[in-house]
């Protein structure tokens, strides 16, 4: 995560900061990319109890409709919860950060 000025990257594994790197001092360059390839924001799931459709309007507005259909008839209960969890997990792109350290 970056600090409030976006000029440091801090790494922590708990309640305290383990490492802090400063852009321009410790980091020569920093690139952030969004990988939208696996974004799913409109999901249809056919399960043993029927078919559920879950979508996320905010994600659709940002990235366009990204549809996926799956049939998982081995699911015997909680189909709506499974579908909602899938959309929650996949509605946003993955951010990839590359840094050149030791500039």
C-alpha atoms as a PDB file:
ATOM      1  CA  UNK A   1       0.000   0.000   0.000  1.00  0.00           C
ATOM      2  CA  UNK A   2       1.146   3.555  -0.540  1.00  0.00           C
ATOM      3  CA  UNK A   3       1.181   6.325   2.026  1.00  0.00           C
ATOM      4  CA  UNK A   4      -0.998   9.447   1.922  1.00  0.00           C
ATOM      5  CA  UNK A   5       1.379  11.190  -0.532  1.00  0.00           C
ATOM      6  CA  UNK A   6       1.711   8.146  -2.832  1.00  0.00           C
ATOM      7  CA  UNK A   7       5.490   8.408  -2.601  1.00  0.00           C
ATOM      8  CA  UNK A   8       6.203   5.487  -0.288  1.00  0.00           C
ATOM      9  CA  UNK A   9       5.252   1.842  -0.371  1.00  0.00           C
ATOM     10  CA  UNK A  10       4.811   0.201   3.007  1.00  0.00           C
ATOM     11  CA  UNK A  11       4.754  -3.506   3.674  1.00  0.00           C
ATOM     12  CA  UNK A  12       3.242  -4.972   6.776  1.00  0.00           C
ATOM     13  CA  UNK A  13       2.335  -8.415   7.935  1.00  0.00           C
ATOM     14  CA  UNK A  14       0.644  -7.382  11.139  1.00  0.00           C
ATOM     15  CA  UNK A  15      -0.067  -4.278  13.151  1.00  0.00           C
ATOM     16  CA  UNK A  16       3.289  -2.608  12.452  1.00  0.00           C
ATOM     17  CA  UNK A  17       5.120  -1.587   9.272  1.00  0.00           C
ATOM     18  CA  UNK A  18       7.892  -4.058   8.408  1.00  0.00           C
ATOM     19  CA  UNK A  19       9.476  -2.118   5.507  1.00  0.00           C
ATOM     20  CA  UNK A  20       9.006   1.291   3.873  1.00  0.00           C
ATOM     21  CA  UNK A  21      10.413   2.199   0.440  1.00  0.00           C
ATOM     22  CA  UNK A  22      10.408   5.754  -0.933  1.00  0.00           C
ATOM     23  CA  UNK A  23       9.856   6.456  -4.639  1.00  0.00           C
ATOM     24  CA  UNK A  24      12.877   8.357  -6.004  1.00  0.00           C
ATOM     25  CA  UNK A  25      15.127   7.153  -3.212  1.00  0.00           C
ATOM     26  CA  UNK A  26      14.706   3.383  -2.841  1.00  0.00           C
ATOM     27  CA  UNK A  27      12.504   2.874  -5.903  1.00  0.00           C
ATOM     28  CA  UNK A  28      13.544   4.065  -9.348  1.00  0.00           C
ATOM     29  CA  UNK A  29      10.256   3.378 -11.084  1.00  0.00           C
ATOM     30  CA  UNK A  30       6.818   2.134 -10.152  1.00  0.00           C
ATOM     31  CA  UNK A  31       4.200   0.781 -12.551  1.00  0.00           C
ATOM     32  CA  UNK A  32       0.638  -0.204 -11.666  1.00  0.00           C
ATOM     33  CA  UNK A  33      -1.451  -2.150 -14.202  1.00  0.00           C
ATOM     34  CA  UNK A  34      -4.995  -3.464 -14.033  1.00  0.00           C
ATOM     35  CA  UNK A  35      -5.611  -6.965 -15.347  1.00  0.00           C
ATOM     36  CA  UNK A  36      -9.275  -7.046 -16.377  1.00  0.00           C
ATOM     37  CA  UNK A  37      -9.080 -10.420 -18.137  1.00  0.00           C
ATOM     38  CA  UNK A  38     -10.825 -12.371 -15.369  1.00  0.00           C
ATOM     39  CA  UNK A  39     -13.367  -9.756 -14.250  1.00  0.00           C
ATOM     40  CA  UNK A  40     -16.858 -11.272 -13.900  1.00  0.00           C
ATOM     41  CA  UNK A  41     -19.645  -8.953 -12.830  1.00  0.00           C
ATOM     42  CA  UNK A  42     -22.717 -10.781 -14.201  1.00  0.00           C
ATOM     43  CA  UNK A  43     -22.813 -14.435 -13.136  1.00  0.00           C
ATOM     44  CA  UNK A  44     -25.396 -17.117 -13.797  1.00  0.00           C
ATOM     45  CA  UNK A  45     -25.142 -20.310 -11.782  1.00  0.00           C
ATOM     46  CA  UNK A  46     -27.279 -23.365 -12.410  1.00  0.00           C
ATOM     47  CA  UNK A  47     -27.225 -25.618  -9.367  1.00  0.00           C
ATOM     48  CA  UNK A  48     -29.328 -28.482  -7.985  1.00  0.00           C
ATOM     49  CA  UNK A  49     -31.890 -25.985  -6.613  1.00  0.00           C
ATOM     50  CA  UNK A  50     -32.344 -23.888  -9.751  1.00  0.00           C
ATOM     51  CA  UNK A  51     -30.576 -20.969 -11.416  1.00  0.00           C
ATOM     52  CA  UNK A  52     -29.242 -17.846  -9.729  1.00  0.00           C
ATOM     53  CA  UNK A  53     -28.119 -14.642 -11.395  1.00  0.00           C
ATOM     54  CA  UNK A  54     -25.986 -12.167  -9.495  1.00  0.00           C
ATOM     55  CA  UNK A  55     -24.542  -8.976 -10.931  1.00  0.00           C
ATOM     56  CA  UNK A  56     -22.708  -5.920  -9.626  1.00  0.00           C
ATOM     57  CA  UNK A  57     -23.918  -2.660 -11.179  1.00  0.00           C
ATOM     58  CA  UNK A  58     -20.933  -0.575 -10.121  1.00  0.00           C
ATOM     59  CA  UNK A  59     -18.503  -3.039 -11.709  1.00  0.00           C
ATOM     60  CA  UNK A  60     -20.611  -3.192 -14.883  1.00  0.00           C
ATOM     61  CA  UNK A  61     -20.521   0.627 -15.115  1.00  0.00           C
ATOM     62  CA  UNK A  62     -16.740   0.675 -14.678  1.00  0.00           C
ATOM     63  CA  UNK A  63     -15.623  -2.280 -16.807  1.00  0.00           C
ATOM     64  CA  UNK A  64     -18.599  -3.159 -18.994  1.00  0.00           C
ATOM     65  CA  UNK A  65     -20.695  -6.296 -18.601  1.00  0.00           C
ATOM     66  CA  UNK A  66     -18.443  -9.330 -18.081  1.00  0.00           C
ATOM     67  CA  UNK A  67     -20.673 -12.400 -18.151  1.00  0.00           C
ATOM     68  CA  UNK A  68     -20.049 -15.968 -17.061  1.00  0.00           C
ATOM     69  CA  UNK A  69     -22.402 -18.969 -16.922  1.00  0.00           C
ATOM     70  CA  UNK A  70     -21.643 -22.161 -15.018  1.00  0.00           C
ATOM     71  CA  UNK A  71     -23.572 -25.308 -14.307  1.00  0.00           C
ATOM     72  CA  UNK A  72     -22.658 -26.894 -10.981  1.00  0.00           C
ATOM     73  CA  UNK A  73     -25.411 -29.366 -10.226  1.00  0.00           C
ATOM     74  CA  UNK A  74     -23.278 -30.917  -7.482  1.00  0.00           C
ATOM     75  CA  UNK A  75     -24.161 -27.869  -5.347  1.00  0.00           C
ATOM     76  CA  UNK A  76     -27.229 -28.952  -3.359  1.00  0.00           C
ATOM     77  CA  UNK A  77     -27.764 -25.905  -1.118  1.00  0.00           C
ATOM     78  CA  UNK A  78     -26.780 -22.261  -0.904  1.00  0.00           C
ATOM     79  CA  UNK A  79     -26.645 -21.557  -4.633  1.00  0.00           C
ATOM     80  CA  UNK A  80     -27.368 -17.852  -4.220  1.00  0.00           C
ATOM     81  CA  UNK A  81     -24.616 -17.470  -1.613  1.00  0.00           C
ATOM     82  CA  UNK A  82     -22.150 -19.288  -3.892  1.00  0.00           C
ATOM     83  CA  UNK A  83     -23.068 -17.018  -6.817  1.00  0.00           C
ATOM     84  CA  UNK A  84     -22.785 -13.866  -4.686  1.00  0.00           C
ATOM     85  CA  UNK A  85     -19.400 -14.925  -3.338  1.00  0.00           C
ATOM     86  CA  UNK A  86     -18.172 -15.568  -6.885  1.00  0.00           C
ATOM     87  CA  UNK A  87     -19.167 -12.069  -8.039  1.00  0.00           C
ATOM     88  CA  UNK A  88     -17.723 -10.450  -4.901  1.00  0.00           C
ATOM     89  CA  UNK A  89     -14.406 -12.198  -5.569  1.00  0.00           C
ATOM     90  CA  UNK A  90     -14.252 -11.450  -9.311  1.00  0.00           C
ATOM     91  CA  UNK A  91     -15.994  -8.082  -9.888  1.00  0.00           C
ATOM     92  CA  UNK A  92     -12.792  -6.001  -9.768  1.00  0.00           C
ATOM     93  CA  UNK A  93      -9.589  -6.275 -11.795  1.00  0.00           C
ATOM     94  CA  UNK A  94      -6.385  -7.547 -10.276  1.00  0.00           C
ATOM     95  CA  UNK A  95      -3.799  -4.832  -9.779  1.00  0.00           C
ATOM     96  CA  UNK A  96      -0.244  -5.739 -10.706  1.00  0.00           C
ATOM     97  CA  UNK A  97       2.531  -3.569  -9.286  1.00  0.00           C
ATOM     98  CA  UNK A  98       6.082  -3.585 -10.648  1.00  0.00           C
ATOM     99  CA  UNK A  99       8.896  -1.677  -8.969  1.00  0.00           C
ATOM    100  CA  UNK A 100      12.560  -1.162  -9.729  1.00  0.00           C
ATOM    101  CA  UNK A 101      14.311  -1.179  -6.359  1.00  0.00           C
ATOM    102  CA  UNK A 102      17.754   0.309  -5.792  1.00  0.00           C
ATOM    103  CA  UNK A 103      17.582   3.182  -8.272  1.00  0.00           C
END
